[in-house]
Amino acid sequence: MDEVAAWAPAARALVAELEARGLTARVLSHGAVWVRNPAGDPASDDRLGALMSPGLNQEVWCRPNGDHVGLWWWWAWAAPARNEPPDLEPLCPVDEPKRAADAIARVLAVPFADAPVS
């Protein structure tokens, strides 16, 4: 099985689970899923916030797990220096999209997002 055939169905399953949790997600061509929590976006009339805020987003990569058989989802954390690959941290096997989506949703959560601002 070629690499795309192995990870593409898992990526689509993860996107569906993430969208069911109110997150925005899309499959990227390099075996990854990019996720954003719209609740972390600044208000539409906040021009400064829009310029300053990167939003709440996360990328997870589908890669082989060296210690175990099969593909896993990996957190892709920013590298310590520019032009270096991201640090990868194991998340879970690709055949557990609910588990992955639950963990990603917790990381991107915005507690009290609906609370009024006083």
C-alpha atoms as a PDB file:
ATOM      1  CA  MET A   1       0.000   0.000   0.000  1.00  0.00           C
ATOM      2  CA  ASP A   2       1.439   3.365  -0.931  1.00  0.00           C
ATOM      3  CA  GLU A   3       1.901   6.045   1.707  1.00  0.00           C
ATOM      4  CA  VAL A   4      -1.049   8.222   0.634  1.00  0.00           C
ATOM      5  CA  ALA A   5      -3.404   5.259   0.499  1.00  0.00           C
ATOM      6  CA  ALA A   6      -2.405   4.401   4.064  1.00  0.00           C
ATOM      7  CA  TRP A   7      -2.914   7.793   5.720  1.00  0.00           C
ATOM      8  CA  ALA A   8      -5.594   9.481   3.592  1.00  0.00           C
ATOM      9  CA  PRO A   9      -8.614   7.533   4.963  1.00  0.00           C
ATOM     10  CA  ALA A  10      -7.364   8.047   8.514  1.00  0.00           C
ATOM     11  CA  ALA A  11      -6.977  11.776   7.879  1.00  0.00           C
ATOM     12  CA  ARG A  12     -10.530  12.037   6.530  1.00  0.00           C
ATOM     13  CA  ALA A  13     -11.851  10.154   9.578  1.00  0.00           C
ATOM     14  CA  LEU A  14      -9.964  12.496  11.918  1.00  0.00           C
ATOM     15  CA  VAL A  15     -11.297  15.587  10.102  1.00  0.00           C
ATOM     16  CA  ALA A  16     -14.864  14.281  10.505  1.00  0.00           C
ATOM     17  CA  GLU A  17     -14.339  13.725  14.245  1.00  0.00           C
ATOM     18  CA  LEU A  18     -12.827  17.182  14.685  1.00  0.00           C
ATOM     19  CA  GLU A  19     -15.618  18.909  12.783  1.00  0.00           C
ATOM     20  CA  ALA A  20     -18.165  17.059  14.946  1.00  0.00           C
ATOM     21  CA  ARG A  21     -16.526  18.838  17.910  1.00  0.00           C
ATOM     22  CA  GLY A  22     -16.949  22.283  16.336  1.00  0.00           C
ATOM     23  CA  LEU A  23     -13.388  22.604  15.072  1.00  0.00           C
ATOM     24  CA  THR A  24     -12.304  23.452  11.537  1.00  0.00           C
ATOM     25  CA  ALA A  25      -9.938  20.936   9.967  1.00  0.00           C
ATOM     26  CA  ARG A  26      -8.413  20.105   6.623  1.00  0.00           C
ATOM     27  CA  VAL A  27      -6.146  17.438   5.215  1.00  0.00           C
ATOM     28  CA  LEU A  28      -2.733  18.638   4.064  1.00  0.00           C
ATOM     29  CA  SER A  29      -0.759  16.958   1.294  1.00  0.00           C
ATOM     30  CA  HIS A  30       2.208  15.915   3.414  1.00  0.00           C
ATOM     31  CA  GLY A  31       0.293  13.422   5.572  1.00  0.00           C
ATOM     32  CA  ALA A  32      -0.994  15.936   8.059  1.00  0.00           C
ATOM     33  CA  VAL A  33      -4.210  17.451   9.360  1.00  0.00           C
ATOM     34  CA  TRP A  34      -4.425  21.144  10.237  1.00  0.00           C
ATOM     35  CA  VAL A  35      -6.987  22.043  12.913  1.00  0.00           C
ATOM     36  CA  ARG A  36      -8.322  25.413  14.081  1.00  0.00           C
ATOM     37  CA  ASN A  37     -10.705  26.361  16.866  1.00  0.00           C
ATOM     38  CA  PRO A  38     -12.801  29.289  15.597  1.00  0.00           C
ATOM     39  CA  ALA A  39     -13.639  30.193  19.209  1.00  0.00           C
ATOM     40  CA  GLY A  40     -10.052  31.444  19.523  1.00  0.00           C
ATOM     41  CA  ASP A  41     -10.416  33.963  16.704  1.00  0.00           C
ATOM     42  CA  PRO A  42     -10.641  37.649  17.566  1.00  0.00           C
ATOM     43  CA  ALA A  43     -13.943  39.446  17.056  1.00  0.00           C
ATOM     44  CA  SER A  44     -14.609  40.387  13.426  1.00  0.00           C
ATOM     45  CA  ASP A  45     -14.430  44.105  14.273  1.00  0.00           C
ATOM     46  CA  ASP A  46     -11.130  43.791  16.173  1.00  0.00           C
ATOM     47  CA  ARG A  47      -8.563  44.873  13.565  1.00  0.00           C
ATOM     48  CA  LEU A  48      -5.649  44.859  15.987  1.00  0.00           C
ATOM     49  CA  GLY A  49      -6.627  41.447  17.298  1.00  0.00           C
ATOM     50  CA  ALA A  50      -6.806  40.113  13.755  1.00  0.00           C
ATOM     51  CA  LEU A  51      -3.292  41.416  13.071  1.00  0.00           C
ATOM     52  CA  MET A  52      -1.781  40.162  16.332  1.00  0.00           C
ATOM     53  CA  SER A  53      -3.529  36.859  16.934  1.00  0.00           C
ATOM     54  CA  PRO A  54      -2.315  33.677  15.279  1.00  0.00           C
ATOM     55  CA  GLY A  55      -5.514  31.990  16.492  1.00  0.00           C
ATOM     56  CA  LEU A  56      -5.776  28.569  18.044  1.00  0.00           C
ATOM     57  CA  ASN A  57      -4.517  25.986  15.625  1.00  0.00           C
ATOM     58  CA  GLN A  58      -2.537  22.791  15.620  1.00  0.00           C
ATOM     59  CA  GLU A  59      -1.058  20.459  13.053  1.00  0.00           C
ATOM     60  CA  VAL A  60      -0.847  16.705  13.554  1.00  0.00           C
ATOM     61  CA  TRP A  61       1.164  14.469  11.272  1.00  0.00           C
ATOM     62  CA  CYS A  62       0.619  10.867  10.249  1.00  0.00           C
ATOM     63  CA  ARG A  63       3.912   9.013  10.441  1.00  0.00           C
ATOM     64  CA  PRO A  64       5.180   5.505  11.184  1.00  0.00           C
ATOM     65  CA  ASN A  65       5.822   4.769  14.829  1.00  0.00           C
ATOM     66  CA  GLY A  66       9.332   3.417  15.231  1.00  0.00           C
ATOM     67  CA  ASP A  67       8.517   1.553  18.450  1.00  0.00           C
ATOM     68  CA  HIS A  68       5.276  -0.030  17.261  1.00  0.00           C
ATOM     69  CA  VAL A  69       3.853  -1.388  14.045  1.00  0.00           C
ATOM     70  CA  GLY A  70       1.674   0.923  12.013  1.00  0.00           C
ATOM     71  CA  LEU A  71       0.978   4.595  11.537  1.00  0.00           C
ATOM     72  CA  TRP A  72       0.411   7.068  14.360  1.00  0.00           C
ATOM     73  CA  TRP A  73      -0.767  10.634  14.718  1.00  0.00           C
ATOM     74  CA  TRP A  74       1.994  12.884  16.001  1.00  0.00           C
ATOM     75  CA  TRP A  75       1.722  16.362  17.491  1.00  0.00           C
ATOM     76  CA  ALA A  76       3.851  18.743  15.403  1.00  0.00           C
ATOM     77  CA  TRP A  77       5.251  21.345  17.797  1.00  0.00           C
ATOM     78  CA  ALA A  78       7.259  24.338  16.637  1.00  0.00           C
ATOM     79  CA  ALA A  79      10.968  23.694  16.275  1.00  0.00           C
ATOM     80  CA  PRO A  80      13.369  25.524  18.601  1.00  0.00           C
ATOM     81  CA  ALA A  81      14.921  27.363  15.630  1.00  0.00           C
ATOM     82  CA  ARG A  82      13.735  28.571  12.238  1.00  0.00           C
ATOM     83  CA  ASN A  83      14.241  26.301   9.234  1.00  0.00           C
ATOM     84  CA  GLU A  84      14.283  23.183  11.403  1.00  0.00           C
ATOM     85  CA  PRO A  85      11.683  20.431  11.236  1.00  0.00           C
ATOM     86  CA  PRO A  86       9.025  20.440  13.951  1.00  0.00           C
ATOM     87  CA  ASP A  87       9.396  18.406  17.100  1.00  0.00           C
ATOM     88  CA  LEU A  88       7.081  15.396  16.865  1.00  0.00           C
ATOM     89  CA  GLU A  89       5.380  13.894  19.907  1.00  0.00           C
ATOM     90  CA  PRO A  90       3.295  10.705  19.645  1.00  0.00           C
ATOM     91  CA  LEU A  91      -0.458  11.207  19.994  1.00  0.00           C
ATOM     92  CA  CYS A  92      -2.125   7.858  19.186  1.00  0.00           C
ATOM     93  CA  PRO A  93      -2.515   5.229  16.452  1.00  0.00           C
ATOM     94  CA  VAL A  94      -4.256   6.462  13.299  1.00  0.00           C
ATOM     95  CA  ASP A  95      -7.029   3.917  13.739  1.00  0.00           C
ATOM     96  CA  GLU A  96      -8.245   5.795  16.856  1.00  0.00           C
ATOM     97  CA  PRO A  97      -9.703   9.015  15.374  1.00  0.00           C
ATOM     98  CA  LYS A  98     -12.024   9.650  18.336  1.00  0.00           C
ATOM     99  CA  ARG A  99      -9.136   9.466  20.784  1.00  0.00           C
ATOM    100  CA  ALA A 100      -7.049  11.810  18.632  1.00  0.00           C
ATOM    101  CA  ALA A 101      -9.933  14.272  18.185  1.00  0.00           C
ATOM    102  CA  ASP A 102     -10.668  14.313  21.922  1.00  0.00           C
ATOM    103  CA  ALA A 103      -7.033  15.136  22.726  1.00  0.00           C
ATOM    104  CA  ILE A 104      -6.789  17.813  20.030  1.00  0.00           C
ATOM    105  CA  ALA A 105     -10.068  19.395  21.157  1.00  0.00           C
ATOM    106  CA  ARG A 106      -8.729  19.595  24.742  1.00  0.00           C
ATOM    107  CA  VAL A 107      -5.539  21.324  23.576  1.00  0.00           C
ATOM    108  CA  LEU A 108      -7.466  23.844  21.472  1.00  0.00           C
ATOM    109  CA  ALA A 109     -10.251  24.416  24.020  1.00  0.00           C
ATOM    110  CA  VAL A 110     -11.337  27.918  24.933  1.00  0.00           C
ATOM    111  CA  PRO A 111     -12.871  27.644  28.403  1.00  0.00           C
ATOM    112  CA  PHE A 112     -15.639  30.162  28.995  1.00  0.00           C
ATOM    113  CA  ALA A 113     -15.633  31.244  25.328  1.00  0.00           C
ATOM    114  CA  ASP A 114     -19.334  32.081  25.566  1.00  0.00           C
ATOM    115  CA  ALA A 115     -19.029  34.038  28.816  1.00  0.00           C
ATOM    116  CA  PRO A 116     -19.827  37.740  28.548  1.00  0.00           C
ATOM    117  CA  VAL A 117     -16.908  40.129  28.699  1.00  0.00           C
ATOM    118  CA  SER A 118     -17.266  42.654  31.482  1.00  0.00           C
END
